[in-house]
Amino acid sequence: MTHIDQIDISALEISLILTAKTPSSASYEVITSSRTLASGSSVGWVQVHHPCLGHIRLHIRGVLPERLLNQDSIKGIVSAIQSNLQIPAEETMDVVMCSQKAQIGISQATDTTGKIGRIETTRKFEAPKHE
């Protein structure tokens, strides 16, 4: 597998700098290339795990600045990482990104055969009531 140590995403004014790599994981530091912040400032991190055991083969976690915590930005980041690490775009995935104020997740649980490999529930945990 070949990869580049820096991924530039000019549309988002960031670069992902590879900080660690194993056969099944990669860690990136998110650096700003914005003129409004000091260019080269660290603004977050992203961890990538692939291939993972089980149906969901790609797991991505990270901390991003608030301005990047939206579906379009995250999809752009995920796409750039998949391209850089040569991970197929149709790979099953679970992505969770957060900032100081919020969290957003993106899932692609259906594989290329149409199989859905997990059961999702909407039940929420309720804390026990104290009397």
N, C-alpha and C. Protein backbone atom coordinates (compact mmCIF):
# COMPACT_ATOMS: atom_id res chain seq x y z
N MET A 1 0.84 -1.17 0.00
CA MET A 1 0.00 0.00 0.00
C MET A 1 0.89 1.24 0.00
N THR A 2 0.67 2.12 -0.94
CA THR A 2 1.43 3.36 -0.96
C THR A 2 0.55 4.48 -0.41
N HIS A 3 1.18 5.45 0.18
CA HIS A 3 0.45 6.60 0.71
C HIS A 3 1.38 7.81 0.72
N ILE A 4 0.78 8.96 0.81
CA ILE A 4 1.52 10.21 0.88
C ILE A 4 1.42 10.71 2.32
N ASP A 5 2.50 11.28 2.84
CA ASP A 5 2.52 11.72 4.23
C ASP A 5 1.71 12.98 4.50
N GLN A 6 1.25 13.67 3.47
CA GLN A 6 0.44 14.87 3.65
C GLN A 6 -0.69 14.88 2.63
N ILE A 7 -1.90 15.11 3.11
CA ILE A 7 -3.08 15.22 2.24
C ILE A 7 -3.54 16.67 2.32
N ASP A 8 -3.49 17.38 1.21
CA ASP A 8 -3.97 18.76 1.17
C ASP A 8 -5.41 18.78 0.68
N ILE A 9 -6.28 19.41 1.45
CA ILE A 9 -7.69 19.57 1.07
C ILE A 9 -7.93 21.07 0.99
N SER A 10 -7.58 21.65 -0.15
CA SER A 10 -7.61 23.11 -0.30
C SER A 10 -9.01 23.69 -0.14
N ALA A 11 -10.04 22.96 -0.56
CA ALA A 11 -11.41 23.48 -0.44
C ALA A 11 -11.80 23.71 1.02
N LEU A 12 -11.19 22.94 1.94
CA LEU A 12 -11.49 23.08 3.37
C LEU A 12 -10.41 23.87 4.11
N GLU A 13 -9.38 24.30 3.40
CA GLU A 13 -8.25 25.03 3.96
C GLU A 13 -7.55 24.26 5.08
N ILE A 14 -7.37 22.94 4.84
CA ILE A 14 -6.66 22.11 5.81
C ILE A 14 -5.73 21.14 5.09
N SER A 15 -4.79 20.62 5.86
CA SER A 15 -3.95 19.51 5.42
C SER A 15 -3.97 18.46 6.52
N LEU A 16 -3.90 17.20 6.13
CA LEU A 16 -3.79 16.10 7.08
C LEU A 16 -2.35 15.61 7.00
N ILE A 17 -1.65 15.67 8.12
CA ILE A 17 -0.25 15.25 8.19
C ILE A 17 -0.19 13.90 8.87
N LEU A 18 0.34 12.90 8.18
CA LEU A 18 0.46 11.56 8.73
C LEU A 18 1.45 11.58 9.90
N THR A 19 1.00 11.14 11.07
CA THR A 19 1.87 11.12 12.25
C THR A 19 2.25 9.71 12.67
N ALA A 20 1.46 8.72 12.29
CA ALA A 20 1.77 7.32 12.63
C ALA A 20 1.04 6.41 11.66
N LYS A 21 1.64 5.25 11.37
CA LYS A 21 1.04 4.32 10.40
C LYS A 21 1.42 2.90 10.78
N THR A 22 0.44 2.00 10.80
CA THR A 22 0.65 0.57 10.95
C THR A 22 -0.08 -0.10 9.80
N PRO A 23 0.02 -1.43 9.65
CA PRO A 23 -0.71 -2.08 8.56
C PRO A 23 -2.24 -1.91 8.63
N SER A 24 -2.78 -1.61 9.83
CA SER A 24 -4.24 -1.48 9.93
C SER A 24 -4.70 -0.15 10.52
N SER A 25 -3.81 0.83 10.64
CA SER A 25 -4.25 2.11 11.17
C SER A 25 -3.35 3.25 10.69
N ALA A 26 -3.90 4.44 10.78
CA ALA A 26 -3.14 5.66 10.44
C ALA A 26 -3.67 6.78 11.32
N SER A 27 -2.77 7.65 11.73
CA SER A 27 -3.14 8.82 12.52
C SER A 27 -2.67 10.06 11.79
N TYR A 28 -3.55 11.07 11.77
CA TYR A 28 -3.25 12.33 11.10
C TYR A 28 -3.44 13.50 12.05
N GLU A 29 -2.60 14.50 11.91
CA GLU A 29 -2.80 15.77 12.59
C GLU A 29 -3.46 16.68 11.56
N VAL A 30 -4.49 17.40 11.96
CA VAL A 30 -5.19 18.33 11.07
C VAL A 30 -4.55 19.70 11.24
N ILE A 31 -4.01 20.23 10.15
CA ILE A 31 -3.31 21.51 10.15
C ILE A 31 -4.08 22.50 9.29
N THR A 32 -4.20 23.73 9.74
CA THR A 32 -4.90 24.74 8.96
C THR A 32 -3.98 25.34 7.90
N SER A 33 -4.58 25.65 6.77
CA SER A 33 -3.85 26.41 5.75
C SER A 33 -4.59 27.73 5.49
N SER A 34 -5.49 28.05 6.41
CA SER A 34 -6.30 29.27 6.32
C SER A 34 -5.46 30.51 6.58
N ARG A 35 -5.79 31.59 5.90
CA ARG A 35 -5.10 32.86 6.14
C ARG A 35 -5.62 33.55 7.40
N THR A 36 -6.82 33.16 7.88
CA THR A 36 -7.38 33.80 9.07
C THR A 36 -6.74 33.27 10.35
N LEU A 37 -6.23 32.05 10.33
CA LEU A 37 -5.47 31.50 11.45
C LEU A 37 -4.02 31.42 11.04
N ALA A 38 -3.15 31.25 11.99
CA ALA A 38 -1.73 31.09 11.65
C ALA A 38 -1.59 29.81 10.83
N SER A 39 -1.19 29.94 9.59
CA SER A 39 -1.03 28.78 8.72
C SER A 39 -0.08 27.78 9.36
N GLY A 40 -0.47 26.53 9.35
CA GLY A 40 0.35 25.49 9.96
C GLY A 40 -0.05 25.17 11.40
N SER A 41 -1.08 25.84 11.91
CA SER A 41 -1.55 25.58 13.27
C SER A 41 -2.30 24.26 13.33
N SER A 42 -2.05 23.49 14.36
CA SER A 42 -2.77 22.24 14.57
C SER A 42 -4.17 22.56 15.08
N VAL A 43 -5.19 22.02 14.41
CA VAL A 43 -6.58 22.28 14.79
C VAL A 43 -7.37 21.01 15.09
N GLY A 44 -6.72 19.84 15.03
CA GLY A 44 -7.43 18.61 15.32
C GLY A 44 -6.62 17.38 14.96
N TRP A 45 -7.27 16.22 15.00
CA TRP A 45 -6.63 14.95 14.66
C TRP A 45 -7.68 13.99 14.10
N VAL A 46 -7.19 12.99 13.36
CA VAL A 46 -8.06 11.96 12.78
C VAL A 46 -7.33 10.62 12.90
N GLN A 47 -8.05 9.60 13.37
CA GLN A 47 -7.52 8.24 13.42
C GLN A 47 -8.33 7.36 12.46
N VAL A 48 -7.61 6.52 11.73
CA VAL A 48 -8.23 5.64 10.74
C VAL A 48 -7.85 4.20 11.06
N HIS A 49 -8.84 3.31 11.08
CA HIS A 49 -8.58 1.89 11.31
C HIS A 49 -9.19 1.10 10.15
N HIS A 50 -8.34 0.38 9.42
CA HIS A 50 -8.78 -0.42 8.26
C HIS A 50 -7.68 -1.39 7.88
N PRO A 51 -7.97 -2.63 7.59
CA PRO A 51 -9.28 -3.27 7.66
C PRO A 51 -9.58 -3.74 9.08
N CYS A 52 -10.82 -3.61 9.49
CA CYS A 52 -11.26 -4.06 10.80
C CYS A 52 -12.02 -5.37 10.65
N LEU A 53 -12.01 -6.16 11.70
CA LEU A 53 -12.79 -7.39 11.71
C LEU A 53 -14.26 -7.04 11.79
N GLY A 54 -15.10 -7.91 11.28
CA GLY A 54 -16.53 -7.67 11.32
C GLY A 54 -17.02 -7.03 10.04
N HIS A 55 -18.28 -6.70 10.03
CA HIS A 55 -18.90 -6.17 8.82
C HIS A 55 -18.45 -4.75 8.50
N ILE A 56 -18.31 -3.91 9.52
CA ILE A 56 -17.85 -2.54 9.31
C ILE A 56 -16.33 -2.57 9.24
N ARG A 57 -15.79 -2.35 8.05
CA ARG A 57 -14.36 -2.53 7.81
C ARG A 57 -13.51 -1.29 8.01
N LEU A 58 -14.14 -0.10 7.98
CA LEU A 58 -13.42 1.17 8.11
C LEU A 58 -14.00 1.97 9.27
N HIS A 59 -13.15 2.31 10.22
CA HIS A 59 -13.56 3.15 11.36
C HIS A 59 -12.68 4.40 11.35
N ILE A 60 -13.32 5.55 11.41
CA ILE A 60 -12.60 6.82 11.45
C ILE A 60 -13.15 7.63 12.62
N ARG A 61 -12.24 8.16 13.44
CA ARG A 61 -12.59 8.99 14.59
C ARG A 61 -11.73 10.25 14.54
N GLY A 62 -12.27 11.35 15.03
CA GLY A 62 -11.45 12.54 15.03
C GLY A 62 -12.05 13.71 15.78
N VAL A 63 -11.21 14.71 15.96
CA VAL A 63 -11.61 15.99 16.54
C VAL A 63 -11.28 17.05 15.50
N LEU A 64 -12.29 17.86 15.18
CA LEU A 64 -12.15 18.89 14.15
C LEU A 64 -12.61 20.24 14.69
N PRO A 65 -12.21 21.32 14.04
CA PRO A 65 -12.76 22.61 14.43
C PRO A 65 -14.25 22.68 14.06
N GLU A 66 -14.97 23.50 14.78
CA GLU A 66 -16.43 23.62 14.61
C GLU A 66 -16.83 23.86 13.14
N ARG A 67 -16.09 24.68 12.41
CA ARG A 67 -16.44 25.03 11.03
C ARG A 67 -16.43 23.82 10.10
N LEU A 68 -15.72 22.74 10.48
CA LEU A 68 -15.65 21.54 9.64
C LEU A 68 -16.61 20.45 10.08
N LEU A 69 -17.38 20.71 11.12
CA LEU A 69 -18.27 19.68 11.64
C LEU A 69 -19.62 19.71 10.92
N ASN A 70 -19.59 19.33 9.66
CA ASN A 70 -20.79 19.20 8.84
C ASN A 70 -20.57 18.05 7.86
N GLN A 71 -21.64 17.51 7.32
CA GLN A 71 -21.55 16.31 6.47
C GLN A 71 -20.67 16.52 5.24
N ASP A 72 -20.79 17.65 4.57
CA ASP A 72 -20.01 17.87 3.36
C ASP A 72 -18.51 17.89 3.64
N SER A 73 -18.11 18.59 4.70
CA SER A 73 -16.68 18.64 5.05
C SER A 73 -16.16 17.27 5.44
N ILE A 74 -16.93 16.57 6.26
CA ILE A 74 -16.50 15.24 6.71
C ILE A 74 -16.43 14.27 5.54
N LYS A 75 -17.39 14.32 4.64
CA LYS A 75 -17.33 13.46 3.45
C LYS A 75 -16.10 13.76 2.62
N GLY A 76 -15.72 15.04 2.50
CA GLY A 76 -14.51 15.41 1.78
C GLY A 76 -13.26 14.86 2.44
N ILE A 77 -13.21 14.94 3.77
CA ILE A 77 -12.07 14.41 4.51
C ILE A 77 -11.99 12.89 4.36
N VAL A 78 -13.12 12.21 4.52
CA VAL A 78 -13.15 10.74 4.39
C VAL A 78 -12.73 10.32 2.99
N SER A 79 -13.25 10.99 1.98
CA SER A 79 -12.89 10.67 0.59
C SER A 79 -11.39 10.84 0.35
N ALA A 80 -10.81 11.92 0.87
CA ALA A 80 -9.37 12.16 0.70
C ALA A 80 -8.55 11.08 1.39
N ILE A 81 -8.98 10.67 2.58
CA ILE A 81 -8.28 9.61 3.32
C ILE A 81 -8.39 8.29 2.57
N GLN A 82 -9.60 7.95 2.10
CA GLN A 82 -9.77 6.69 1.36
C GLN A 82 -8.90 6.66 0.12
N SER A 83 -8.84 7.75 -0.59
CA SER A 83 -8.00 7.83 -1.78
C SER A 83 -6.53 7.68 -1.42
N ASN A 84 -6.10 8.39 -0.39
CA ASN A 84 -4.70 8.36 0.03
C ASN A 84 -4.27 6.97 0.49
N LEU A 85 -5.13 6.29 1.24
CA LEU A 85 -4.79 4.96 1.78
C LEU A 85 -5.25 3.82 0.87
N GLN A 86 -5.79 4.15 -0.28
CA GLN A 86 -6.28 3.18 -1.26
C GLN A 86 -7.35 2.26 -0.67
N ILE A 87 -8.29 2.87 0.04
CA ILE A 87 -9.44 2.16 0.60
C ILE A 87 -10.61 2.38 -0.35
N PRO A 88 -11.27 1.31 -0.79
CA PRO A 88 -12.38 1.48 -1.74
C PRO A 88 -13.47 2.42 -1.21
N ALA A 89 -14.00 3.26 -2.08
CA ALA A 89 -15.03 4.23 -1.70
C ALA A 89 -16.29 3.54 -1.18
N GLU A 90 -16.56 2.33 -1.66
CA GLU A 90 -17.78 1.62 -1.26
C GLU A 90 -17.60 0.78 0.01
N GLU A 91 -16.45 0.90 0.66
CA GLU A 91 -16.19 0.13 1.89
C GLU A 91 -17.19 0.48 2.97
N THR A 92 -17.64 -0.52 3.75
CA THR A 92 -18.51 -0.24 4.88
C THR A 92 -17.72 0.58 5.89
N MET A 93 -18.40 1.57 6.50
CA MET A 93 -17.66 2.46 7.39
C MET A 93 -18.53 3.02 8.50
N ASP A 94 -17.84 3.47 9.54
CA ASP A 94 -18.45 4.19 10.65
C ASP A 94 -17.51 5.34 10.96
N VAL A 95 -18.01 6.56 10.85
CA VAL A 95 -17.20 7.76 11.04
C VAL A 95 -17.83 8.59 12.15
N VAL A 96 -17.03 8.99 13.13
CA VAL A 96 -17.49 9.87 14.20
C VAL A 96 -16.47 10.99 14.35
N MET A 97 -16.95 12.22 14.19
CA MET A 97 -16.11 13.40 14.36
C MET A 97 -16.77 14.30 15.39
N CYS A 98 -15.95 14.96 16.19
CA CYS A 98 -16.51 15.86 17.19
C CYS A 98 -15.67 17.13 17.28
N SER A 99 -16.28 18.12 17.91
CA SER A 99 -15.60 19.38 18.22
C SER A 99 -15.82 19.61 19.71
N GLN A 100 -15.49 20.78 20.18
CA GLN A 100 -15.73 21.07 21.59
C GLN A 100 -17.21 21.14 21.92
N LYS A 101 -18.06 21.41 20.91
CA LYS A 101 -19.47 21.63 21.17
C LYS A 101 -20.42 20.57 20.62
N ALA A 102 -19.97 19.78 19.66
CA ALA A 102 -20.91 18.87 18.99
C ALA A 102 -20.21 17.63 18.46
N GLN A 103 -21.02 16.69 18.00
CA GLN A 103 -20.52 15.45 17.41
C GLN A 103 -21.40 15.09 16.22
N ILE A 104 -20.79 14.53 15.19
CA ILE A 104 -21.55 14.10 14.02
C ILE A 104 -21.00 12.75 13.56
N GLY A 105 -21.89 11.90 13.11
CA GLY A 105 -21.48 10.59 12.63
C GLY A 105 -22.01 10.31 11.24
N ILE A 106 -21.25 9.54 10.50
CA ILE A 106 -21.65 9.11 9.17
C ILE A 106 -21.42 7.61 9.10
N SER A 107 -22.42 6.87 8.64
CA SER A 107 -22.29 5.41 8.53
C SER A 107 -22.61 4.95 7.13
N GLN A 108 -21.92 3.94 6.72
CA GLN A 108 -22.23 3.23 5.47
C GLN A 108 -22.17 1.75 5.83
N ALA A 109 -23.30 1.23 6.29
CA ALA A 109 -23.35 -0.13 6.82
C ALA A 109 -23.68 -1.18 5.76
N THR A 110 -24.11 -0.74 4.58
CA THR A 110 -24.47 -1.68 3.51
C THR A 110 -23.26 -1.95 2.64
N ASP A 111 -22.92 -3.22 2.49
CA ASP A 111 -21.76 -3.56 1.65
C ASP A 111 -22.16 -3.64 0.18
N THR A 112 -21.22 -3.98 -0.68
CA THR A 112 -21.48 -3.99 -2.13
C THR A 112 -22.48 -5.06 -2.55
N THR A 113 -22.74 -6.04 -1.69
CA THR A 113 -23.73 -7.08 -2.01
C THR A 113 -25.11 -6.71 -1.52
N GLY A 114 -25.22 -5.57 -0.81
CA GLY A 114 -26.51 -5.14 -0.27
C GLY A 114 -26.75 -5.65 1.14
N LYS A 115 -25.79 -6.34 1.72
CA LYS A 115 -25.93 -6.89 3.07
C LYS A 115 -25.72 -5.78 4.09
N ILE A 116 -26.64 -5.72 5.05
CA ILE A 116 -26.49 -4.79 6.17
C ILE A 116 -26.00 -5.62 7.34
N GLY A 117 -24.88 -5.24 7.91
CA GLY A 117 -24.23 -6.08 8.89
C GLY A 117 -24.37 -5.67 10.32
N ARG A 118 -25.29 -4.79 10.64
CA ARG A 118 -25.46 -4.46 12.04
C ARG A 118 -26.92 -4.12 12.31
N ILE A 119 -27.26 -4.26 13.55
CA ILE A 119 -28.61 -3.91 13.98
C ILE A 119 -28.49 -2.57 14.69
N GLU A 120 -29.30 -1.62 14.27
CA GLU A 120 -29.28 -0.32 14.90
C GLU A 120 -30.55 -0.13 15.70
N THR A 121 -30.44 0.54 16.81
CA THR A 121 -31.58 0.79 17.67
C THR A 121 -31.69 2.27 17.98
N THR A 122 -32.88 2.71 18.27
CA THR A 122 -33.07 4.10 18.64
C THR A 122 -33.35 4.23 20.13
N ARG A 123 -33.29 3.13 20.87
CA ARG A 123 -33.53 3.17 22.31
C ARG A 123 -32.43 3.97 23.00
N LYS A 124 -32.86 4.86 23.85
CA LYS A 124 -31.90 5.70 24.56
C LYS A 124 -31.79 5.21 26.01
N PHE A 125 -30.63 5.38 26.57
CA PHE A 125 -30.41 5.03 27.96
C PHE A 125 -31.12 6.02 28.85
N GLU A 126 -31.81 5.50 29.84
CA GLU A 126 -32.45 6.36 30.83
C GLU A 126 -31.80 6.11 32.16
N ALA A 127 -31.32 7.16 32.78
CA ALA A 127 -30.70 7.03 34.09
C ALA A 127 -31.75 6.65 35.12
N PRO A 128 -31.34 5.83 36.10
CA PRO A 128 -32.30 5.46 37.16
C PRO A 128 -32.75 6.70 37.94
N LYS A 129 -34.01 6.70 38.34
CA LYS A 129 -34.55 7.82 39.10
C LYS A 129 -34.19 7.65 40.58
N HIS A 130 -33.75 8.73 41.16
CA HIS A 130 -33.40 8.72 42.58
C HIS A 130 -34.58 9.25 43.38
N GLU A 131 -34.91 8.54 44.43
CA GLU A 131 -36.04 8.97 45.26
C GLU A 131 -35.57 9.61 46.52
